[in-house]
Amino acid sequence: MIYLCKTDGEILGALPGLKKDTAQLTKNITDLWELTFDVNRYENDNNTLVQTDYYDSIDEKMWLYQDDENVYYIIDSEPTTSLDGKQEIKSITAHSCEVELNKKFLSNLKVNMGTKDSLEYLAVHKDE
């Protein structure tokens, strides 16, 4: 099951309009995992179309949680919306949460430099 989450990882709820036949997970050893799937806007409830929960909340920067893999994902691009003649569908592409590290830059990080501000020196001599 895939759940929609707030940006702090708190689960809002399951995605009831999820089209399970479109869900695809690409696992990479040295790269981000990619999760793609489609969500229907409406569900048939006793011959009445009812908007699915959280459909309008599915947007860029929202998090997803996949319970069978125990992995969080981030929707890192705007979902595309399409019509199939009967139904409005959102197509979502999300990447494992390490994608946030792509926008972080380390500056002034010194490791194994042999200087007093190098991390190995600070770890050994932190009392000096």
N, C-alpha and C. Protein backbone atom coordinates (compact mmCIF):
# COMPACT_ATOMS: atom_id res chain seq x y z
N MET A 1 0.84 -1.17 0.00
CA MET A 1 0.00 0.00 0.00
C MET A 1 0.90 1.25 0.00
N ILE A 2 0.44 2.26 -0.70
CA ILE A 2 1.16 3.54 -0.76
C ILE A 2 0.33 4.59 -0.03
N TYR A 3 1.00 5.32 0.86
CA TYR A 3 0.33 6.33 1.67
C TYR A 3 0.87 7.71 1.32
N LEU A 4 0.02 8.72 1.36
CA LEU A 4 0.43 10.11 1.19
C LEU A 4 0.83 10.63 2.56
N CYS A 5 1.95 11.35 2.62
CA CYS A 5 2.48 11.87 3.89
C CYS A 5 2.73 13.36 3.79
N LYS A 6 2.80 13.99 4.95
CA LYS A 6 3.25 15.37 5.03
C LYS A 6 4.76 15.37 4.81
N THR A 7 5.33 16.56 4.70
CA THR A 7 6.77 16.65 4.43
C THR A 7 7.62 16.23 5.61
N ASP A 8 7.01 16.05 6.79
CA ASP A 8 7.77 15.55 7.94
C ASP A 8 7.63 14.04 8.10
N GLY A 9 6.95 13.37 7.17
CA GLY A 9 6.79 11.92 7.20
C GLY A 9 5.52 11.44 7.88
N GLU A 10 4.73 12.35 8.46
CA GLU A 10 3.49 11.95 9.11
C GLU A 10 2.49 11.49 8.04
N ILE A 11 1.94 10.30 8.23
CA ILE A 11 1.03 9.71 7.24
C ILE A 11 -0.33 10.39 7.30
N LEU A 12 -0.80 10.86 6.13
CA LEU A 12 -2.15 11.42 6.02
C LEU A 12 -3.16 10.31 5.77
N GLY A 13 -2.84 9.39 4.88
CA GLY A 13 -3.74 8.28 4.59
C GLY A 13 -3.38 7.57 3.31
N ALA A 14 -4.05 6.45 3.08
CA ALA A 14 -3.82 5.65 1.88
C ALA A 14 -4.42 6.36 0.67
N LEU A 15 -3.93 6.02 -0.50
CA LEU A 15 -4.43 6.59 -1.75
C LEU A 15 -5.46 5.63 -2.34
N PRO A 16 -6.76 5.85 -2.09
CA PRO A 16 -7.78 4.90 -2.53
C PRO A 16 -7.96 4.81 -4.04
N GLY A 17 -7.62 5.85 -4.79
CA GLY A 17 -7.79 5.81 -6.24
C GLY A 17 -6.60 5.23 -6.98
N LEU A 18 -5.65 4.66 -6.24
CA LEU A 18 -4.43 4.12 -6.83
C LEU A 18 -4.75 3.00 -7.83
N LYS A 19 -4.23 3.16 -9.03
CA LYS A 19 -4.38 2.11 -10.05
C LYS A 19 -3.20 1.16 -9.90
N LYS A 20 -3.43 0.05 -9.23
CA LYS A 20 -2.35 -0.88 -8.87
C LYS A 20 -1.63 -1.44 -10.10
N ASP A 21 -2.33 -1.58 -11.20
CA ASP A 21 -1.69 -2.12 -12.41
C ASP A 21 -0.67 -1.17 -13.01
N THR A 22 -0.69 0.11 -12.62
CA THR A 22 0.28 1.07 -13.14
C THR A 22 1.46 1.29 -12.21
N ALA A 23 1.38 0.78 -10.98
CA ALA A 23 2.45 0.99 -10.00
C ALA A 23 3.69 0.22 -10.41
N GLN A 24 4.81 0.94 -10.44
CA GLN A 24 6.08 0.32 -10.82
C GLN A 24 7.19 0.90 -9.97
N LEU A 25 7.99 0.03 -9.39
CA LEU A 25 9.12 0.44 -8.57
C LEU A 25 10.40 0.00 -9.25
N THR A 26 11.30 0.96 -9.47
CA THR A 26 12.61 0.67 -10.04
C THR A 26 13.64 0.81 -8.94
N LYS A 27 14.25 -0.31 -8.55
CA LYS A 27 15.27 -0.30 -7.51
C LYS A 27 16.64 -0.22 -8.17
N ASN A 28 17.45 0.69 -7.70
CA ASN A 28 18.80 0.85 -8.22
C ASN A 28 19.80 0.66 -7.09
N ILE A 29 20.88 0.01 -7.37
CA ILE A 29 21.89 -0.23 -6.35
C ILE A 29 22.66 1.05 -6.04
N THR A 30 23.03 1.79 -7.07
CA THR A 30 23.87 2.97 -6.85
C THR A 30 23.15 4.28 -7.15
N ASP A 31 21.84 4.23 -7.30
CA ASP A 31 21.09 5.44 -7.63
C ASP A 31 19.77 5.43 -6.86
N LEU A 32 19.00 6.48 -7.03
CA LEU A 32 17.72 6.61 -6.35
C LEU A 32 16.72 5.57 -6.83
N TRP A 33 15.84 5.13 -5.93
CA TRP A 33 14.73 4.29 -6.33
C TRP A 33 13.66 5.19 -6.93
N GLU A 34 12.96 4.68 -7.94
CA GLU A 34 11.91 5.47 -8.58
C GLU A 34 10.59 4.71 -8.51
N LEU A 35 9.56 5.41 -8.03
CA LEU A 35 8.22 4.86 -7.92
C LEU A 35 7.30 5.65 -8.83
N THR A 36 6.59 4.96 -9.73
CA THR A 36 5.63 5.62 -10.61
C THR A 36 4.29 4.91 -10.49
N PHE A 37 3.21 5.69 -10.57
CA PHE A 37 1.87 5.13 -10.53
C PHE A 37 0.86 6.19 -10.95
N ASP A 38 -0.36 5.75 -11.20
CA ASP A 38 -1.47 6.63 -11.54
C ASP A 38 -2.52 6.57 -10.45
N VAL A 39 -3.24 7.68 -10.27
CA VAL A 39 -4.32 7.76 -9.29
C VAL A 39 -5.55 8.33 -9.98
N ASN A 40 -6.68 7.65 -9.84
CA ASN A 40 -7.96 8.14 -10.37
C ASN A 40 -8.51 9.24 -9.47
N ARG A 41 -9.13 10.23 -10.08
CA ARG A 41 -9.76 11.30 -9.31
C ARG A 41 -11.04 10.82 -8.62
N TYR A 42 -11.80 9.96 -9.31
CA TYR A 42 -13.09 9.52 -8.79
C TYR A 42 -13.14 8.02 -8.62
N GLU A 43 -13.93 7.58 -7.64
CA GLU A 43 -14.23 6.17 -7.43
C GLU A 43 -15.73 5.98 -7.55
N ASN A 44 -16.13 4.80 -7.97
CA ASN A 44 -17.54 4.49 -8.09
C ASN A 44 -18.04 3.98 -6.74
N ASP A 45 -18.94 4.73 -6.12
CA ASP A 45 -19.51 4.36 -4.83
C ASP A 45 -21.02 4.24 -4.99
N ASN A 46 -21.51 3.00 -5.15
CA ASN A 46 -22.95 2.74 -5.36
C ASN A 46 -23.50 3.54 -6.54
N ASN A 47 -22.80 3.42 -7.68
CA ASN A 47 -23.17 4.09 -8.93
C ASN A 47 -23.12 5.61 -8.84
N THR A 48 -22.35 6.13 -7.91
CA THR A 48 -22.13 7.56 -7.78
C THR A 48 -20.62 7.81 -7.77
N LEU A 49 -20.18 8.75 -8.60
CA LEU A 49 -18.76 9.07 -8.61
C LEU A 49 -18.44 9.99 -7.43
N VAL A 50 -17.46 9.57 -6.64
CA VAL A 50 -17.04 10.31 -5.45
C VAL A 50 -15.55 10.58 -5.59
N GLN A 51 -15.13 11.83 -5.31
CA GLN A 51 -13.71 12.14 -5.41
C GLN A 51 -12.94 11.37 -4.35
N THR A 52 -11.80 10.80 -4.76
CA THR A 52 -10.99 10.02 -3.83
C THR A 52 -10.31 10.94 -2.82
N ASP A 53 -10.07 10.38 -1.65
CA ASP A 53 -9.39 11.12 -0.59
C ASP A 53 -7.98 11.51 -1.03
N TYR A 54 -7.58 12.69 -0.69
CA TYR A 54 -6.22 13.22 -0.89
C TYR A 54 -5.83 13.47 -2.33
N TYR A 55 -6.75 13.31 -3.28
CA TYR A 55 -6.41 13.51 -4.70
C TYR A 55 -5.85 14.91 -4.92
N ASP A 56 -6.51 15.93 -4.38
CA ASP A 56 -6.05 17.30 -4.58
C ASP A 56 -4.76 17.60 -3.83
N SER A 57 -4.43 16.79 -2.84
CA SER A 57 -3.21 17.01 -2.04
C SER A 57 -1.97 16.40 -2.69
N ILE A 58 -2.16 15.54 -3.68
CA ILE A 58 -1.01 14.91 -4.34
C ILE A 58 -0.35 15.97 -5.20
N ASP A 59 0.81 16.41 -4.77
CA ASP A 59 1.49 17.51 -5.44
C ASP A 59 3.00 17.39 -5.24
N GLU A 60 3.72 18.21 -5.97
CA GLU A 60 5.17 18.25 -5.86
C GLU A 60 5.59 18.54 -4.42
N LYS A 61 6.63 17.90 -3.96
CA LYS A 61 7.23 18.02 -2.63
C LYS A 61 6.52 17.23 -1.55
N MET A 62 5.37 16.61 -1.86
CA MET A 62 4.71 15.75 -0.87
C MET A 62 5.48 14.44 -0.78
N TRP A 63 5.37 13.80 0.35
CA TRP A 63 6.05 12.53 0.57
C TRP A 63 5.07 11.38 0.41
N LEU A 64 5.61 10.21 0.09
CA LEU A 64 4.86 8.98 -0.01
C LEU A 64 5.55 7.93 0.85
N TYR A 65 4.79 7.01 1.38
CA TYR A 65 5.36 5.90 2.14
C TYR A 65 4.83 4.60 1.57
N GLN A 66 5.74 3.69 1.27
CA GLN A 66 5.37 2.38 0.76
C GLN A 66 5.64 1.37 1.87
N ASP A 67 4.57 0.81 2.44
CA ASP A 67 4.73 -0.01 3.63
C ASP A 67 5.39 -1.36 3.38
N ASP A 68 5.19 -1.97 2.21
CA ASP A 68 5.82 -3.28 1.96
C ASP A 68 7.32 -3.17 1.76
N GLU A 69 7.83 -2.01 1.37
CA GLU A 69 9.27 -1.80 1.22
C GLU A 69 9.84 -1.00 2.39
N ASN A 70 8.96 -0.40 3.20
CA ASN A 70 9.35 0.45 4.33
C ASN A 70 10.28 1.58 3.87
N VAL A 71 9.85 2.26 2.80
CA VAL A 71 10.65 3.32 2.18
C VAL A 71 9.79 4.56 1.97
N TYR A 72 10.39 5.73 2.22
CA TYR A 72 9.73 7.00 1.92
C TYR A 72 10.21 7.51 0.57
N TYR A 73 9.31 8.19 -0.14
CA TYR A 73 9.62 8.77 -1.44
C TYR A 73 9.18 10.23 -1.43
N ILE A 74 9.78 11.02 -2.31
CA ILE A 74 9.40 12.42 -2.47
C ILE A 74 8.95 12.63 -3.91
N ILE A 75 7.78 13.24 -4.05
CA ILE A 75 7.31 13.61 -5.39
C ILE A 75 8.11 14.84 -5.78
N ASP A 76 9.10 14.66 -6.65
CA ASP A 76 10.04 15.75 -6.94
C ASP A 76 9.75 16.46 -8.26
N SER A 77 8.61 16.18 -8.87
CA SER A 77 8.18 16.92 -10.05
C SER A 77 6.66 16.99 -10.04
N GLU A 78 6.14 18.00 -10.71
CA GLU A 78 4.69 18.21 -10.74
C GLU A 78 4.00 17.00 -11.39
N PRO A 79 3.01 16.38 -10.71
CA PRO A 79 2.29 15.26 -11.33
C PRO A 79 1.56 15.73 -12.60
N THR A 80 1.50 14.88 -13.59
CA THR A 80 0.79 15.22 -14.82
C THR A 80 -0.65 14.73 -14.71
N THR A 81 -1.56 15.51 -15.24
CA THR A 81 -2.98 15.18 -15.22
C THR A 81 -3.45 14.90 -16.64
N SER A 82 -4.23 13.84 -16.77
CA SER A 82 -4.75 13.48 -18.10
C SER A 82 -6.19 12.99 -17.95
N LEU A 83 -6.88 12.93 -19.09
CA LEU A 83 -8.25 12.42 -19.13
C LEU A 83 -8.28 11.21 -20.05
N ASP A 84 -8.96 10.15 -19.64
CA ASP A 84 -9.07 8.97 -20.50
C ASP A 84 -10.47 8.83 -21.10
N GLY A 85 -11.26 9.90 -21.06
CA GLY A 85 -12.62 9.87 -21.59
C GLY A 85 -13.67 9.67 -20.51
N LYS A 86 -13.29 9.01 -19.44
CA LYS A 86 -14.21 8.77 -18.33
C LYS A 86 -13.68 9.34 -17.02
N GLN A 87 -12.39 9.45 -16.90
CA GLN A 87 -11.76 9.67 -15.62
C GLN A 87 -10.60 10.64 -15.74
N GLU A 88 -10.44 11.49 -14.74
CA GLU A 88 -9.23 12.31 -14.64
C GLU A 88 -8.21 11.50 -13.86
N ILE A 89 -6.98 11.48 -14.35
CA ILE A 89 -5.92 10.65 -13.77
C ILE A 89 -4.68 11.50 -13.54
N LYS A 90 -4.07 11.35 -12.36
CA LYS A 90 -2.78 11.96 -12.09
C LYS A 90 -1.72 10.88 -12.20
N SER A 91 -0.65 11.19 -12.93
CA SER A 91 0.50 10.30 -13.04
C SER A 91 1.61 10.86 -12.17
N ILE A 92 2.09 10.04 -11.25
CA ILE A 92 3.06 10.49 -10.26
C ILE A 92 4.38 9.76 -10.45
N THR A 93 5.46 10.52 -10.36
CA THR A 93 6.81 9.96 -10.32
C THR A 93 7.46 10.47 -9.05
N ALA A 94 7.95 9.55 -8.24
CA ALA A 94 8.59 9.92 -6.98
C ALA A 94 9.91 9.17 -6.87
N HIS A 95 10.83 9.76 -6.11
CA HIS A 95 12.14 9.14 -5.89
C HIS A 95 12.37 8.96 -4.40
N SER A 96 13.19 7.97 -4.06
CA SER A 96 13.50 7.72 -2.66
C SER A 96 14.04 9.01 -2.03
N CYS A 97 13.84 9.15 -0.74
CA CYS A 97 14.05 10.45 -0.08
C CYS A 97 15.50 10.95 -0.14
N GLU A 98 16.44 10.15 -0.55
CA GLU A 98 17.80 10.66 -0.73
C GLU A 98 17.87 11.74 -1.78
N VAL A 99 16.81 11.88 -2.59
CA VAL A 99 16.78 12.91 -3.62
C VAL A 99 16.97 14.30 -3.01
N GLU A 100 16.60 14.48 -1.75
CA GLU A 100 16.80 15.78 -1.09
C GLU A 100 18.28 16.13 -0.99
N LEU A 101 19.13 15.13 -0.94
CA LEU A 101 20.57 15.40 -0.83
C LEU A 101 21.16 15.94 -2.13
N ASN A 102 20.46 15.78 -3.24
CA ASN A 102 20.94 16.31 -4.52
C ASN A 102 21.07 17.83 -4.50
N LYS A 103 20.32 18.48 -3.64
CA LYS A 103 20.33 19.95 -3.60
C LYS A 103 21.15 20.50 -2.45
N LYS A 104 21.86 19.64 -1.73
CA LYS A 104 22.70 20.06 -0.61
C LYS A 104 24.16 20.04 -1.06
N PHE A 105 24.85 21.11 -0.75
CA PHE A 105 26.25 21.20 -1.13
C PHE A 105 27.10 21.33 0.13
N LEU A 106 28.15 20.55 0.20
CA LEU A 106 29.06 20.61 1.33
C LEU A 106 30.20 21.56 0.97
N SER A 107 30.41 22.52 1.83
CA SER A 107 31.53 23.42 1.61
C SER A 107 32.40 23.41 2.86
N ASN A 108 33.65 23.57 2.66
CA ASN A 108 34.63 23.59 3.75
C ASN A 108 34.66 22.28 4.53
N LEU A 109 34.36 21.17 3.89
CA LEU A 109 34.45 19.87 4.53
C LEU A 109 35.85 19.33 4.29
N LYS A 110 36.53 19.06 5.37
CA LYS A 110 37.91 18.55 5.26
C LYS A 110 38.00 17.22 5.97
N VAL A 111 38.42 16.20 5.23
CA VAL A 111 38.60 14.86 5.78
C VAL A 111 39.96 14.36 5.31
N ASN A 112 40.73 13.79 6.24
CA ASN A 112 42.05 13.22 5.94
C ASN A 112 43.01 14.24 5.31
N MET A 113 42.93 15.48 5.78
CA MET A 113 43.81 16.51 5.26
C MET A 113 45.04 16.73 6.15
N GLY A 114 45.00 16.21 7.39
CA GLY A 114 46.12 16.37 8.31
C GLY A 114 46.21 17.76 8.92
N THR A 115 45.16 18.55 8.81
CA THR A 115 45.15 19.89 9.40
C THR A 115 44.26 19.90 10.64
N LYS A 116 44.39 20.94 11.46
CA LYS A 116 43.64 21.00 12.72
C LYS A 116 42.13 21.11 12.52
N ASP A 117 41.68 21.56 11.36
CA ASP A 117 40.24 21.65 11.12
C ASP A 117 39.71 20.45 10.31
N SER A 118 40.56 19.44 10.08
CA SER A 118 40.14 18.23 9.38
C SER A 118 39.37 17.33 10.35
N LEU A 119 38.36 16.64 9.86
CA LEU A 119 37.48 15.86 10.72
C LEU A 119 38.20 14.79 11.52
N GLU A 120 39.18 14.11 10.97
CA GLU A 120 39.87 13.06 11.72
C GLU A 120 40.66 13.65 12.88
N TYR A 121 41.18 14.86 12.70
CA TYR A 121 41.90 15.53 13.79
C TYR A 121 40.91 15.95 14.88
N LEU A 122 39.78 16.47 14.51
CA LEU A 122 38.78 16.92 15.48
C LEU A 122 38.21 15.74 16.27
N ALA A 123 38.06 14.58 15.64
CA ALA A 123 37.50 13.42 16.33
C ALA A 123 38.45 12.88 17.38
N VAL A 124 39.74 12.89 17.10
CA VAL A 124 40.74 12.35 18.01
C VAL A 124 41.12 13.38 19.07
N HIS A 125 41.22 14.65 18.71
CA HIS A 125 41.73 15.68 19.60
C HIS A 125 40.67 16.70 20.00
N LYS A 126 39.46 16.28 20.25
CA LYS A 126 38.40 17.24 20.52
C LYS A 126 38.54 17.94 21.88
N ASP A 127 39.37 17.40 22.79
CA ASP A 127 39.57 18.04 24.10
C ASP A 127 40.68 19.09 24.08
N GLU A 128 41.44 19.17 23.04
CA GLU A 128 42.56 20.11 22.98
C GLU A 128 42.13 21.47 22.54
